[in-house]
């Protein structure tokens, strides 16, 4: 009988180019996108498997998207504020 070895490797890789005006958000955006990519990968790999794991991965996708959208909203707000104050 063969043996089975669990290997935890995330295949999803994310890279992003950001304009220097919002450079302070690079790590936050990259991390949120990486979480989205990894959760999407996990979700798709369990489509016909354990429904509990699939639900867990789905919830991770939703949370990662919410985090990403929050960062985008912060960037937009911070870029608009100076022009509204003038």
N, C-alpha and C. Protein backbone atom coordinates (compact mmCIF):
# COMPACT_ATOMS: atom_id res chain seq x y z
N UNK A 1 0.84 -1.17 0.00
CA UNK A 1 0.00 0.00 0.00
C UNK A 1 0.89 1.24 0.00
N UNK A 2 0.57 2.22 -0.83
CA UNK A 2 1.36 3.44 -0.94
C UNK A 2 1.12 4.38 0.23
N UNK A 3 2.06 5.26 0.42
CA UNK A 3 1.91 6.24 1.50
C UNK A 3 1.51 7.59 0.91
N UNK A 4 0.88 8.39 1.73
CA UNK A 4 0.42 9.71 1.30
C UNK A 4 1.07 10.75 2.20
N UNK A 5 1.63 11.76 1.59
CA UNK A 5 2.30 12.81 2.34
C UNK A 5 1.60 14.12 2.06
N UNK A 6 1.22 14.85 3.11
CA UNK A 6 0.58 16.14 2.95
C UNK A 6 1.65 17.21 2.74
N UNK A 7 1.49 17.96 1.67
CA UNK A 7 2.40 19.05 1.36
C UNK A 7 1.58 20.32 1.27
N UNK A 8 1.93 21.31 2.07
CA UNK A 8 1.18 22.57 2.09
C UNK A 8 1.90 23.59 1.22
N UNK A 9 1.47 23.68 -0.03
CA UNK A 9 2.08 24.62 -0.97
C UNK A 9 0.97 25.45 -1.59
N UNK A 10 1.10 26.75 -1.48
CA UNK A 10 0.14 27.63 -2.14
C UNK A 10 0.66 27.96 -3.53
N UNK A 11 -0.14 27.66 -4.51
CA UNK A 11 0.26 27.90 -5.89
C UNK A 11 -0.01 29.34 -6.31
N UNK A 12 -0.96 29.98 -5.68
CA UNK A 12 -1.35 31.33 -6.07
C UNK A 12 -0.24 32.32 -5.73
N UNK A 13 0.13 33.11 -6.70
CA UNK A 13 1.13 34.16 -6.52
C UNK A 13 0.55 35.48 -7.01
N UNK A 14 0.78 36.55 -6.27
CA UNK A 14 0.23 37.85 -6.62
C UNK A 14 1.36 38.86 -6.69
N UNK A 15 1.34 39.67 -7.74
CA UNK A 15 2.23 40.83 -7.80
C UNK A 15 1.39 42.01 -8.27
N UNK A 16 1.80 43.19 -7.85
CA UNK A 16 1.02 44.38 -8.17
C UNK A 16 1.97 45.57 -8.31
N UNK A 17 1.65 46.44 -9.27
CA UNK A 17 2.40 47.69 -9.44
C UNK A 17 1.51 48.82 -8.99
N UNK A 18 2.06 49.69 -8.16
CA UNK A 18 1.28 50.77 -7.56
C UNK A 18 1.98 52.09 -7.83
N UNK A 19 1.20 53.10 -8.18
CA UNK A 19 1.73 54.45 -8.39
C UNK A 19 2.33 54.96 -7.08
N UNK A 20 3.38 55.73 -7.18
CA UNK A 20 4.10 56.18 -5.99
C UNK A 20 3.24 57.02 -5.04
N UNK A 21 2.17 57.64 -5.53
CA UNK A 21 1.30 58.44 -4.67
C UNK A 21 0.58 57.60 -3.62
N UNK A 22 0.42 56.33 -3.88
CA UNK A 22 -0.27 55.45 -2.92
C UNK A 22 0.64 54.30 -2.50
N UNK A 23 1.92 54.55 -2.52
CA UNK A 23 2.93 53.54 -2.22
C UNK A 23 2.76 52.91 -0.83
N UNK A 24 2.26 53.69 0.12
CA UNK A 24 2.10 53.16 1.49
C UNK A 24 1.06 52.05 1.57
N UNK A 25 0.26 51.88 0.53
CA UNK A 25 -0.78 50.86 0.52
C UNK A 25 -0.35 49.57 -0.18
N UNK A 26 0.84 49.54 -0.74
CA UNK A 26 1.28 48.39 -1.53
C UNK A 26 1.17 47.07 -0.76
N UNK A 27 1.74 47.02 0.42
CA UNK A 27 1.73 45.77 1.19
C UNK A 27 0.32 45.36 1.58
N UNK A 28 -0.50 46.33 1.97
CA UNK A 28 -1.89 46.01 2.34
C UNK A 28 -2.66 45.44 1.15
N UNK A 29 -2.51 46.08 -0.02
CA UNK A 29 -3.20 45.60 -1.22
C UNK A 29 -2.70 44.22 -1.64
N UNK A 30 -1.39 44.06 -1.63
CA UNK A 30 -0.81 42.78 -2.04
C UNK A 30 -1.27 41.66 -1.11
N UNK A 31 -1.25 41.92 0.20
CA UNK A 31 -1.68 40.91 1.16
C UNK A 31 -3.15 40.54 0.97
N UNK A 32 -4.00 41.53 0.75
CA UNK A 32 -5.43 41.25 0.55
C UNK A 32 -5.65 40.46 -0.74
N UNK A 33 -4.92 40.82 -1.79
CA UNK A 33 -5.05 40.07 -3.05
C UNK A 33 -4.50 38.66 -2.91
N UNK A 34 -3.41 38.50 -2.16
CA UNK A 34 -2.85 37.18 -1.94
C UNK A 34 -3.84 36.29 -1.18
N UNK A 35 -4.48 36.84 -0.15
CA UNK A 35 -5.50 36.09 0.58
C UNK A 35 -6.65 35.68 -0.34
N UNK A 36 -7.06 36.60 -1.20
CA UNK A 36 -8.14 36.30 -2.16
C UNK A 36 -7.72 35.17 -3.09
N UNK A 37 -6.51 35.25 -3.62
CA UNK A 37 -6.02 34.23 -4.55
C UNK A 37 -5.92 32.87 -3.87
N UNK A 38 -5.37 32.83 -2.67
CA UNK A 38 -5.22 31.56 -1.96
C UNK A 38 -6.57 30.96 -1.58
N UNK A 39 -7.50 31.80 -1.13
CA UNK A 39 -8.83 31.30 -0.76
C UNK A 39 -9.59 30.82 -2.00
N UNK A 40 -9.42 31.52 -3.11
CA UNK A 40 -10.07 31.10 -4.36
C UNK A 40 -9.52 29.76 -4.80
N UNK A 41 -8.21 29.62 -4.71
CA UNK A 41 -7.57 28.35 -5.05
C UNK A 41 -8.09 27.23 -4.15
N UNK A 42 -8.17 27.50 -2.86
CA UNK A 42 -8.68 26.50 -1.93
C UNK A 42 -10.13 26.15 -2.20
N UNK A 43 -10.93 27.16 -2.49
CA UNK A 43 -12.35 26.94 -2.78
C UNK A 43 -12.52 26.06 -4.01
N UNK A 44 -11.79 26.39 -5.06
CA UNK A 44 -11.90 25.62 -6.31
C UNK A 44 -11.38 24.19 -6.16
N UNK A 45 -10.42 23.98 -5.29
CA UNK A 45 -9.89 22.63 -5.12
C UNK A 45 -10.81 21.74 -4.29
N UNK A 46 -11.79 22.36 -3.61
CA UNK A 46 -12.72 21.57 -2.80
C UNK A 46 -14.14 21.57 -3.36
N UNK A 47 -14.33 21.99 -4.61
CA UNK A 47 -15.67 22.07 -5.18
C UNK A 47 -16.43 20.76 -5.09
N UNK A 48 -15.75 19.65 -5.30
CA UNK A 48 -16.40 18.35 -5.24
C UNK A 48 -15.95 17.56 -4.02
N UNK A 49 -15.41 18.26 -3.02
CA UNK A 49 -14.91 17.59 -1.83
C UNK A 49 -15.75 17.91 -0.61
N UNK A 50 -15.09 18.16 0.47
CA UNK A 50 -15.72 18.41 1.76
C UNK A 50 -16.47 19.75 1.73
N UNK A 51 -17.81 19.74 1.89
CA UNK A 51 -18.57 21.00 1.85
C UNK A 51 -18.20 21.97 2.97
N UNK A 52 -17.79 21.46 4.12
CA UNK A 52 -17.39 22.34 5.21
C UNK A 52 -16.12 23.12 4.86
N UNK A 53 -15.17 22.45 4.25
CA UNK A 53 -13.94 23.12 3.83
C UNK A 53 -14.25 24.12 2.71
N UNK A 54 -15.13 23.74 1.81
CA UNK A 54 -15.53 24.64 0.73
C UNK A 54 -16.17 25.91 1.31
N UNK A 55 -17.05 25.76 2.30
CA UNK A 55 -17.67 26.92 2.94
C UNK A 55 -16.63 27.79 3.64
N UNK A 56 -15.68 27.15 4.29
CA UNK A 56 -14.61 27.89 4.97
C UNK A 56 -13.81 28.72 3.96
N UNK A 57 -13.48 28.12 2.83
CA UNK A 57 -12.73 28.83 1.79
C UNK A 57 -13.57 29.97 1.19
N UNK A 58 -14.85 29.72 1.01
CA UNK A 58 -15.76 30.76 0.49
C UNK A 58 -15.77 31.95 1.44
N UNK A 59 -15.89 31.69 2.73
CA UNK A 59 -15.89 32.77 3.72
C UNK A 59 -14.57 33.55 3.71
N UNK A 60 -13.47 32.85 3.48
CA UNK A 60 -12.17 33.52 3.38
C UNK A 60 -12.13 34.43 2.16
N UNK A 61 -12.72 33.99 1.05
CA UNK A 61 -12.78 34.82 -0.16
C UNK A 61 -13.56 36.09 0.13
N UNK A 62 -14.72 35.96 0.74
CA UNK A 62 -15.57 37.12 1.03
C UNK A 62 -14.83 38.09 1.95
N UNK A 63 -14.18 37.59 2.99
CA UNK A 63 -13.44 38.45 3.91
C UNK A 63 -12.28 39.16 3.20
N UNK A 64 -11.53 38.43 2.39
CA UNK A 64 -10.40 39.02 1.67
C UNK A 64 -10.87 40.11 0.71
N UNK A 65 -11.98 39.87 0.02
CA UNK A 65 -12.53 40.89 -0.89
C UNK A 65 -12.96 42.13 -0.11
N UNK A 66 -13.58 41.93 1.04
CA UNK A 66 -14.01 43.06 1.86
C UNK A 66 -12.80 43.88 2.32
N UNK A 67 -11.73 43.20 2.71
CA UNK A 67 -10.51 43.90 3.13
C UNK A 67 -9.93 44.70 1.96
N UNK A 68 -9.90 44.07 0.78
CA UNK A 68 -9.36 44.75 -0.40
C UNK A 68 -10.19 45.99 -0.73
N UNK A 69 -11.50 45.85 -0.72
CA UNK A 69 -12.37 46.98 -1.03
C UNK A 69 -12.24 48.09 0.00
N UNK A 70 -12.03 47.74 1.26
CA UNK A 70 -11.82 48.74 2.30
C UNK A 70 -10.55 49.54 2.03
N UNK A 71 -9.50 48.87 1.62
CA UNK A 71 -8.24 49.56 1.31
C UNK A 71 -8.44 50.49 0.12
N UNK A 72 -9.13 50.01 -0.92
CA UNK A 72 -9.40 50.85 -2.10
C UNK A 72 -10.21 52.08 -1.70
N UNK A 73 -11.21 51.90 -0.84
CA UNK A 73 -12.02 53.03 -0.38
C UNK A 73 -11.17 54.03 0.39
N UNK A 74 -10.25 53.53 1.22
CA UNK A 74 -9.35 54.42 1.96
C UNK A 74 -8.48 55.24 1.01
N UNK A 75 -7.95 54.59 -0.01
CA UNK A 75 -7.10 55.29 -0.98
C UNK A 75 -7.91 56.38 -1.67
N UNK A 76 -9.10 56.01 -2.14
CA UNK A 76 -9.94 56.99 -2.85
C UNK A 76 -10.26 58.17 -1.93
N UNK A 77 -10.66 57.89 -0.71
CA UNK A 77 -11.00 58.95 0.24
C UNK A 77 -9.80 59.86 0.48
N UNK A 78 -8.64 59.27 0.72
CA UNK A 78 -7.44 60.06 1.01
C UNK A 78 -7.00 60.89 -0.19
N UNK A 79 -7.21 60.41 -1.40
CA UNK A 79 -6.84 61.18 -2.58
C UNK A 79 -7.84 62.30 -2.87
N UNK A 80 -9.11 62.12 -2.49
CA UNK A 80 -10.12 63.13 -2.74
C UNK A 80 -10.11 64.23 -1.69
N UNK A 81 -9.74 63.94 -0.48
CA UNK A 81 -9.80 64.92 0.61
C UNK A 81 -9.00 66.18 0.36
N UNK A 82 -7.75 66.13 -0.11
CA UNK A 82 -7.02 67.36 -0.34
C UNK A 82 -7.72 68.30 -1.32
N UNK A 83 -8.30 67.77 -2.39
CA UNK A 83 -8.96 68.61 -3.37
C UNK A 83 -10.25 69.22 -2.82
N UNK A 84 -10.92 68.56 -1.89
CA UNK A 84 -12.14 69.09 -1.29
C UNK A 84 -11.83 70.18 -0.27
N UNK A 85 -10.62 70.15 0.29
CA UNK A 85 -10.24 71.14 1.29
C UNK A 85 -9.77 72.45 0.67
N UNK A 86 -9.44 72.41 -0.61
CA UNK A 86 -8.92 73.63 -1.27
C UNK A 86 -10.02 74.60 -1.62
